[in-house]
Amino acid sequence: MMNGSTRSGLLALAGGYIIYLAWEMFQAMRNGTTSVAPALNIVFIVFFVLAGSAVLFYAYRVWRKSKKDDAEETPPPRPENDNSLK
């Protein structure tokens, strides 16, 4: 199973790619190289931007949670001169 940092990194790549696809659809619509109706194209561009943003936000939450969990698992440092054990 993946740790939180790897999982959040892959999610961030996926979210960025979805937003990149929306940008490519926008460029194709602007240049007139698409055969899709402009209204439908705009709907899909907005959908892809929202979906990509949601995936990026989720990736950030996974990354933040994994950092929090890592901090909780780390035991507190022991004092070097702990005389209470004698």
Protein backbone atom coordinates (compact mmCIF):
# COMPACT_ATOMS: atom_id res chain seq x y z
CA MET A 1 0.00 0.00 0.00
CA MET A 2 1.20 3.51 -0.75
CA ASN A 3 2.15 5.97 1.92
CA GLY A 4 0.43 9.36 2.10
CA SER A 5 3.13 11.31 0.30
CA THR A 6 3.21 8.96 -2.69
CA ARG A 7 -0.56 8.84 -2.89
CA SER A 8 -0.91 12.62 -2.67
CA GLY A 9 1.78 13.07 -5.31
CA LEU A 10 0.02 10.76 -7.74
CA LEU A 11 -3.31 12.46 -7.05
CA ALA A 12 -1.72 15.86 -7.67
CA LEU A 13 -0.35 14.63 -11.01
CA ALA A 14 -3.79 13.35 -11.98
CA GLY A 15 -5.46 16.62 -10.98
CA GLY A 16 -2.90 18.64 -12.89
CA TYR A 17 -3.41 16.47 -15.96
CA ILE A 18 -7.18 16.95 -15.82
CA ILE A 19 -6.69 20.73 -15.69
CA TYR A 20 -4.21 20.46 -18.57
CA LEU A 21 -6.87 18.65 -20.61
CA ALA A 22 -9.29 21.49 -19.91
CA TRP A 23 -6.66 23.97 -21.10
CA GLU A 24 -6.12 21.98 -24.31
CA MET A 25 -9.89 21.92 -24.95
CA PHE A 26 -10.00 25.68 -24.40
CA GLN A 27 -7.11 26.24 -26.84
CA ALA A 28 -8.78 24.03 -29.45
CA MET A 29 -12.06 25.92 -29.06
CA ARG A 30 -10.31 29.29 -29.30
CA ASN A 31 -8.38 28.27 -32.42
CA GLY A 32 -11.46 26.74 -34.02
CA THR A 33 -9.89 23.30 -34.44
CA THR A 34 -12.65 21.40 -32.64
CA SER A 35 -15.80 19.92 -34.13
CA VAL A 36 -17.73 20.06 -30.86
CA ALA A 37 -20.41 22.71 -30.36
CA PRO A 38 -18.99 25.69 -28.42
CA ALA A 39 -21.63 25.50 -25.68
CA LEU A 40 -20.93 21.82 -25.06
CA ASN A 41 -17.21 22.49 -25.15
CA ILE A 42 -17.56 25.19 -22.48
CA VAL A 43 -19.57 22.81 -20.28
CA PHE A 44 -16.85 20.19 -20.48
CA ILE A 45 -14.08 22.73 -19.89
CA VAL A 46 -15.79 23.93 -16.72
CA PHE A 47 -16.38 20.35 -15.62
CA PHE A 48 -12.73 19.40 -16.16
CA VAL A 49 -11.47 22.49 -14.30
CA LEU A 50 -13.75 21.75 -11.36
CA ALA A 51 -12.87 18.05 -11.32
CA GLY A 52 -9.13 18.75 -11.56
CA SER A 53 -9.35 21.33 -8.80
CA ALA A 54 -11.26 18.89 -6.59
CA VAL A 55 -8.61 16.21 -7.13
CA LEU A 56 -5.84 18.71 -6.33
CA PHE A 57 -7.65 19.79 -3.16
CA TYR A 58 -8.09 16.16 -2.12
CA ALA A 59 -4.39 15.51 -2.81
CA TYR A 60 -3.50 18.42 -0.54
CA ARG A 61 -5.72 17.05 2.23
CA VAL A 62 -4.17 13.57 1.91
CA TRP A 63 -0.67 15.08 2.00
CA ARG A 64 -1.51 17.24 5.05
CA LYS A 65 -3.06 14.27 6.87
CA SER A 66 -0.04 12.07 6.13
CA LYS A 67 2.29 14.74 7.53
CA LYS A 68 0.12 15.02 10.65
CA ASP A 69 0.08 11.23 11.09
CA ASP A 70 3.87 11.08 10.66
CA ALA A 71 4.31 13.72 13.35
CA GLU A 72 2.05 11.81 15.76
CA GLU A 73 3.89 8.52 15.19
CA THR A 74 7.27 10.00 15.98
CA PRO A 75 7.98 9.43 19.69
CA PRO A 76 9.11 12.42 21.71
CA PRO A 77 12.86 12.66 22.18
CA ARG A 78 14.27 11.13 25.36
CA PRO A 79 16.33 13.32 27.62
CA GLU A 80 20.00 12.34 27.55
CA ASN A 81 20.47 12.48 31.32
CA ASP A 82 17.29 10.84 32.57
CA ASN A 83 18.02 10.08 36.22
CA SER A 84 14.50 8.85 36.97
CA LEU A 85 15.30 5.38 35.62
CA LYS A 86 17.92 4.66 38.31
